[in-house]
Amino acid sequence: MAYNEQFAQRIRASFELQTQAVRSNITEKKMFGGIAFLYCGKMTVGIIKDNLMVRVISSKMDRILSSEHVRPMDFTNRPMKEFVYVSQEGIDTEEQLLNYIELGLEHAKQKLNKL
């Protein structure tokens, strides 16, 4: 298994706390050797090995990257635009995980509004 299935279950449970309008539009897709959770077809968060991958709107990237346990997503050995990794230590609590899920949802919703 390329990603932590228990962690995936934790993310699924966090999405269950969202409104019905959000929950009904969440899908899963295997990508980057892990799994991604999409809202209306737009990537929000995902798992690569034990790291949480989060899409972040560009205006919040500097603030998020200054957070402890967050680093640029460098899947291709170069930082990817609007992607970060969060280590397990950065999502010890459900509140921390929900905050990152909200960031991912914000990114997806912003991209959908631009279509």
N, C-alpha and C. Protein backbone atom coordinates (compact mmCIF):
# COMPACT_ATOMS: atom_id res chain seq x y z
N MET A 1 0.85 -1.18 0.00
CA MET A 1 0.00 0.00 0.00
C MET A 1 0.89 1.24 0.00
N ALA A 2 0.63 2.18 -0.89
CA ALA A 2 1.45 3.37 -1.05
C ALA A 2 1.07 4.48 -0.08
N TYR A 3 -0.04 4.33 0.63
CA TYR A 3 -0.46 5.35 1.59
C TYR A 3 -1.05 4.66 2.80
N ASN A 4 -1.16 5.40 3.87
CA ASN A 4 -1.65 4.90 5.15
C ASN A 4 -3.18 4.86 5.13
N GLU A 5 -3.75 3.65 5.10
CA GLU A 5 -5.20 3.49 5.01
C GLU A 5 -5.91 3.99 6.26
N GLN A 6 -5.30 3.84 7.43
CA GLN A 6 -5.93 4.36 8.65
C GLN A 6 -6.03 5.89 8.58
N PHE A 7 -5.01 6.51 8.02
CA PHE A 7 -5.04 7.96 7.84
C PHE A 7 -6.15 8.34 6.85
N ALA A 8 -6.31 7.56 5.79
CA ALA A 8 -7.38 7.82 4.82
C ALA A 8 -8.75 7.74 5.50
N GLN A 9 -8.92 6.78 6.40
CA GLN A 9 -10.19 6.66 7.12
C GLN A 9 -10.42 7.88 8.01
N ARG A 10 -9.37 8.39 8.58
CA ARG A 10 -9.47 9.59 9.42
C ARG A 10 -9.92 10.79 8.58
N ILE A 11 -9.38 10.92 7.38
CA ILE A 11 -9.78 12.01 6.49
C ILE A 11 -11.23 11.85 6.07
N ARG A 12 -11.62 10.62 5.72
CA ARG A 12 -13.02 10.37 5.35
C ARG A 12 -13.97 10.78 6.48
N ALA A 13 -13.60 10.44 7.71
CA ALA A 13 -14.44 10.80 8.86
C ALA A 13 -14.51 12.32 9.00
N SER A 14 -13.42 13.02 8.72
CA SER A 14 -13.43 14.49 8.79
C SER A 14 -14.34 15.08 7.73
N PHE A 15 -14.34 14.50 6.53
CA PHE A 15 -15.24 15.00 5.50
C PHE A 15 -16.70 14.76 5.88
N GLU A 16 -16.97 13.74 6.67
CA GLU A 16 -18.34 13.47 7.11
C GLU A 16 -18.87 14.59 8.00
N LEU A 17 -17.98 15.39 8.57
CA LEU A 17 -18.39 16.51 9.42
C LEU A 17 -18.78 17.74 8.60
N GLN A 18 -18.54 17.69 7.31
CA GLN A 18 -18.87 18.81 6.43
C GLN A 18 -20.37 18.80 6.12
N THR A 19 -20.85 19.85 5.51
CA THR A 19 -22.26 19.92 5.13
C THR A 19 -22.57 18.85 4.09
N GLN A 20 -23.83 18.54 3.95
CA GLN A 20 -24.26 17.55 2.95
C GLN A 20 -23.83 17.98 1.54
N ALA A 21 -23.90 19.28 1.27
CA ALA A 21 -23.51 19.79 -0.05
C ALA A 21 -22.05 19.50 -0.34
N VAL A 22 -21.21 19.56 0.66
CA VAL A 22 -19.79 19.22 0.47
C VAL A 22 -19.62 17.71 0.41
N ARG A 23 -20.16 17.00 1.40
CA ARG A 23 -20.00 15.53 1.46
C ARG A 23 -20.41 14.86 0.17
N SER A 24 -21.51 15.30 -0.41
CA SER A 24 -22.03 14.63 -1.61
C SER A 24 -21.18 14.91 -2.85
N ASN A 25 -20.26 15.83 -2.76
CA ASN A 25 -19.40 16.17 -3.90
C ASN A 25 -17.95 15.77 -3.71
N ILE A 26 -17.67 14.94 -2.69
CA ILE A 26 -16.31 14.47 -2.45
C ILE A 26 -16.12 13.12 -3.14
N THR A 27 -15.06 13.03 -3.90
CA THR A 27 -14.68 11.76 -4.53
C THR A 27 -13.23 11.48 -4.19
N GLU A 28 -12.83 10.25 -4.42
CA GLU A 28 -11.45 9.84 -4.17
C GLU A 28 -10.82 9.37 -5.47
N LYS A 29 -9.53 9.66 -5.60
CA LYS A 29 -8.82 9.24 -6.78
C LYS A 29 -7.38 8.91 -6.41
N LYS A 30 -6.90 7.79 -6.91
CA LYS A 30 -5.51 7.44 -6.67
C LYS A 30 -4.64 8.30 -7.57
N MET A 31 -3.68 8.98 -6.96
CA MET A 31 -2.75 9.81 -7.73
C MET A 31 -1.50 10.06 -6.90
N PHE A 32 -0.43 10.40 -7.56
CA PHE A 32 0.87 10.67 -6.92
C PHE A 32 1.34 9.47 -6.09
N GLY A 33 0.89 8.28 -6.41
CA GLY A 33 1.26 7.11 -5.62
C GLY A 33 0.51 7.03 -4.30
N GLY A 34 -0.49 7.86 -4.13
CA GLY A 34 -1.30 7.88 -2.91
C GLY A 34 -2.76 8.02 -3.27
N ILE A 35 -3.46 8.77 -2.47
CA ILE A 35 -4.89 8.98 -2.71
C ILE A 35 -5.20 10.47 -2.52
N ALA A 36 -6.07 10.98 -3.36
CA ALA A 36 -6.49 12.38 -3.27
C ALA A 36 -8.00 12.43 -3.07
N PHE A 37 -8.44 13.44 -2.36
CA PHE A 37 -9.86 13.69 -2.12
C PHE A 37 -10.22 14.93 -2.91
N LEU A 38 -11.22 14.80 -3.78
CA LEU A 38 -11.59 15.89 -4.67
C LEU A 38 -12.98 16.42 -4.33
N TYR A 39 -13.14 17.72 -4.46
CA TYR A 39 -14.44 18.36 -4.30
C TYR A 39 -14.85 18.86 -5.68
N CYS A 40 -15.95 18.35 -6.20
CA CYS A 40 -16.43 18.71 -7.54
C CYS A 40 -15.31 18.56 -8.57
N GLY A 41 -14.50 17.53 -8.40
CA GLY A 41 -13.43 17.24 -9.34
C GLY A 41 -12.15 18.00 -9.11
N LYS A 42 -12.10 18.86 -8.11
CA LYS A 42 -10.90 19.65 -7.81
C LYS A 42 -10.23 19.09 -6.55
N MET A 43 -8.92 18.89 -6.64
CA MET A 43 -8.18 18.32 -5.53
C MET A 43 -8.21 19.23 -4.31
N THR A 44 -8.41 18.62 -3.13
CA THR A 44 -8.42 19.36 -1.87
C THR A 44 -7.24 18.92 -1.01
N VAL A 45 -7.29 17.70 -0.55
CA VAL A 45 -6.22 17.12 0.26
C VAL A 45 -5.96 15.71 -0.25
N GLY A 46 -4.87 15.15 0.22
CA GLY A 46 -4.56 13.78 -0.15
C GLY A 46 -3.50 13.22 0.78
N ILE A 47 -3.15 11.98 0.54
CA ILE A 47 -2.13 11.31 1.33
C ILE A 47 -1.07 10.77 0.39
N ILE A 48 0.16 11.07 0.70
CA ILE A 48 1.29 10.47 0.01
C ILE A 48 2.17 9.89 1.11
N LYS A 49 2.24 8.57 1.15
CA LYS A 49 2.87 7.83 2.25
C LYS A 49 2.17 8.24 3.54
N ASP A 50 2.87 8.88 4.48
CA ASP A 50 2.24 9.32 5.73
C ASP A 50 2.03 10.83 5.78
N ASN A 51 2.29 11.52 4.69
CA ASN A 51 2.14 12.97 4.66
C ASN A 51 0.76 13.37 4.16
N LEU A 52 0.23 14.43 4.76
CA LEU A 52 -0.99 15.04 4.23
C LEU A 52 -0.58 16.03 3.16
N MET A 53 -1.15 15.92 1.99
CA MET A 53 -0.93 16.87 0.91
C MET A 53 -2.14 17.79 0.90
N VAL A 54 -1.88 19.11 0.85
CA VAL A 54 -2.97 20.08 0.90
C VAL A 54 -2.80 21.10 -0.22
N ARG A 55 -3.89 21.39 -0.91
CA ARG A 55 -3.91 22.51 -1.88
C ARG A 55 -4.24 23.77 -1.09
N VAL A 56 -3.47 24.82 -1.33
CA VAL A 56 -3.63 26.07 -0.59
C VAL A 56 -3.68 27.22 -1.60
N ILE A 57 -4.63 28.13 -1.42
CA ILE A 57 -4.68 29.28 -2.33
C ILE A 57 -3.39 30.08 -2.18
N SER A 58 -2.94 30.65 -3.28
CA SER A 58 -1.63 31.30 -3.30
C SER A 58 -1.50 32.42 -2.28
N SER A 59 -2.56 33.15 -1.99
CA SER A 59 -2.47 34.26 -1.04
C SER A 59 -2.19 33.78 0.39
N LYS A 60 -2.40 32.51 0.68
CA LYS A 60 -2.16 31.97 2.02
C LYS A 60 -0.89 31.11 2.11
N MET A 61 -0.22 30.90 0.98
CA MET A 61 0.93 29.98 0.97
C MET A 61 2.03 30.39 1.94
N ASP A 62 2.43 31.64 1.95
CA ASP A 62 3.53 32.06 2.84
C ASP A 62 3.19 31.80 4.30
N ARG A 63 1.97 32.15 4.70
CA ARG A 63 1.57 31.93 6.10
C ARG A 63 1.55 30.45 6.44
N ILE A 64 1.00 29.64 5.55
CA ILE A 64 0.91 28.20 5.81
C ILE A 64 2.31 27.58 5.84
N LEU A 65 3.16 27.98 4.91
CA LEU A 65 4.52 27.43 4.89
C LEU A 65 5.34 27.81 6.12
N SER A 66 4.95 28.87 6.80
CA SER A 66 5.66 29.25 8.02
C SER A 66 5.19 28.44 9.23
N SER A 67 4.15 27.63 9.05
CA SER A 67 3.64 26.80 10.14
C SER A 67 4.58 25.63 10.40
N GLU A 68 4.62 25.25 11.64
CA GLU A 68 5.44 24.10 12.02
C GLU A 68 4.89 22.84 11.35
N HIS A 69 5.77 21.97 10.94
CA HIS A 69 5.44 20.67 10.33
C HIS A 69 4.89 20.77 8.91
N VAL A 70 5.03 21.93 8.28
CA VAL A 70 4.57 22.14 6.90
C VAL A 70 5.79 22.43 6.04
N ARG A 71 5.80 21.85 4.86
CA ARG A 71 6.88 22.13 3.91
C ARG A 71 6.30 22.12 2.49
N PRO A 72 7.02 22.71 1.54
CA PRO A 72 6.52 22.68 0.16
C PRO A 72 6.41 21.24 -0.33
N MET A 73 5.41 20.97 -1.13
CA MET A 73 5.31 19.64 -1.75
C MET A 73 6.32 19.61 -2.89
N ASP A 74 7.29 18.74 -2.73
CA ASP A 74 8.38 18.65 -3.69
C ASP A 74 8.41 17.28 -4.35
N PHE A 75 7.25 16.82 -4.73
CA PHE A 75 7.08 15.49 -5.33
C PHE A 75 7.99 15.31 -6.55
N THR A 76 8.21 16.36 -7.30
CA THR A 76 9.03 16.30 -8.51
C THR A 76 10.43 16.86 -8.28
N ASN A 77 10.84 16.92 -7.00
CA ASN A 77 12.12 17.50 -6.58
C ASN A 77 12.16 19.01 -6.76
N ARG A 78 11.01 19.61 -7.07
CA ARG A 78 10.84 21.05 -7.12
C ARG A 78 9.54 21.37 -6.42
N PRO A 79 9.48 22.49 -5.71
CA PRO A 79 8.21 22.84 -5.06
C PRO A 79 7.09 22.98 -6.09
N MET A 80 5.94 22.41 -5.78
CA MET A 80 4.78 22.51 -6.67
C MET A 80 3.91 23.67 -6.20
N LYS A 81 3.45 24.45 -7.16
CA LYS A 81 2.65 25.63 -6.87
C LYS A 81 1.35 25.25 -6.16
N GLU A 82 1.07 25.92 -5.05
CA GLU A 82 -0.17 25.77 -4.28
C GLU A 82 -0.35 24.39 -3.66
N PHE A 83 0.74 23.67 -3.42
CA PHE A 83 0.71 22.38 -2.74
C PHE A 83 1.66 22.41 -1.55
N VAL A 84 1.24 21.86 -0.42
CA VAL A 84 2.13 21.67 0.72
C VAL A 84 1.97 20.26 1.26
N TYR A 85 3.01 19.82 1.97
CA TYR A 85 2.97 18.60 2.76
C TYR A 85 2.86 18.99 4.22
N VAL A 86 2.08 18.25 4.98
CA VAL A 86 2.00 18.41 6.42
C VAL A 86 2.37 17.05 7.02
N SER A 87 3.36 17.05 7.91
CA SER A 87 3.76 15.79 8.55
C SER A 87 2.71 15.39 9.60
N GLN A 88 2.77 14.16 10.04
CA GLN A 88 1.81 13.65 11.02
C GLN A 88 1.79 14.48 12.31
N GLU A 89 2.94 15.03 12.68
CA GLU A 89 2.99 15.84 13.90
C GLU A 89 2.15 17.10 13.77
N GLY A 90 1.92 17.57 12.57
CA GLY A 90 1.14 18.77 12.34
C GLY A 90 -0.36 18.53 12.33
N ILE A 91 -0.76 17.28 12.40
CA ILE A 91 -2.19 16.95 12.38
C ILE A 91 -2.53 15.95 13.48
N ASP A 92 -1.93 16.16 14.65
CA ASP A 92 -2.18 15.28 15.80
C ASP A 92 -3.64 15.30 16.22
N THR A 93 -4.27 16.48 16.14
CA THR A 93 -5.65 16.59 16.61
C THR A 93 -6.61 16.65 15.42
N GLU A 94 -7.85 16.34 15.70
CA GLU A 94 -8.87 16.41 14.65
C GLU A 94 -9.08 17.86 14.22
N GLU A 95 -8.94 18.79 15.15
CA GLU A 95 -9.08 20.21 14.82
C GLU A 95 -8.01 20.63 13.81
N GLN A 96 -6.78 20.19 14.02
CA GLN A 96 -5.71 20.52 13.08
C GLN A 96 -6.01 19.94 11.70
N LEU A 97 -6.44 18.68 11.66
CA LEU A 97 -6.77 18.05 10.38
C LEU A 97 -7.91 18.79 9.69
N LEU A 98 -8.94 19.14 10.43
CA LEU A 98 -10.08 19.87 9.85
C LEU A 98 -9.65 21.21 9.29
N ASN A 99 -8.72 21.89 9.95
CA ASN A 99 -8.23 23.18 9.44
C ASN A 99 -7.58 23.00 8.07
N TYR A 100 -6.79 21.94 7.90
CA TYR A 100 -6.15 21.71 6.60
C TYR A 100 -7.16 21.28 5.55
N ILE A 101 -8.16 20.52 5.95
CA ILE A 101 -9.22 20.14 5.01
C ILE A 101 -9.97 21.39 4.55
N GLU A 102 -10.23 22.31 5.46
CA GLU A 102 -10.89 23.57 5.10
C GLU A 102 -10.05 24.36 4.10
N LEU A 103 -8.72 24.38 4.30
CA LEU A 103 -7.85 25.05 3.34
C LEU A 103 -7.96 24.42 1.96
N GLY A 104 -7.97 23.09 1.92
CA GLY A 104 -8.11 22.39 0.65
C GLY A 104 -9.44 22.66 -0.02
N LEU A 105 -10.50 22.68 0.77
CA LEU A 105 -11.83 22.98 0.22
C LEU A 105 -11.88 24.42 -0.29
N GLU A 106 -11.26 25.33 0.43
CA GLU A 106 -11.22 26.73 0.00
C GLU A 106 -10.54 26.85 -1.37
N HIS A 107 -9.45 26.12 -1.54
CA HIS A 107 -8.73 26.14 -2.82
C HIS A 107 -9.63 25.63 -3.95
N ALA A 108 -10.29 24.50 -3.70
CA ALA A 108 -11.16 23.92 -4.74
C ALA A 108 -12.30 24.86 -5.09
N LYS A 109 -12.93 25.43 -4.07
CA LYS A 109 -14.05 26.34 -4.32
C LYS A 109 -13.60 27.58 -5.08
N GLN A 110 -12.41 28.09 -4.76
CA GLN A 110 -11.91 29.25 -5.49
C GLN A 110 -11.70 28.89 -6.96
N LYS A 111 -11.13 27.73 -7.24
CA LYS A 111 -10.90 27.33 -8.62
C LYS A 111 -12.21 27.12 -9.37
N LEU A 112 -13.21 26.61 -8.68
CA LEU A 112 -14.52 26.40 -9.33
C LEU A 112 -15.20 27.72 -9.64
N ASN A 113 -15.03 28.70 -8.81
CA ASN A 113 -15.63 30.02 -9.06
C ASN A 113 -15.00 30.72 -10.25
N LYS A 114 -13.78 30.33 -10.60
CA LYS A 114 -13.10 30.96 -11.72
C LYS A 114 -13.45 30.33 -13.05
N LEU A 115 -14.14 29.22 -13.01
CA LEU A 115 -14.49 28.54 -14.27
C LEU A 115 -15.60 29.23 -15.01
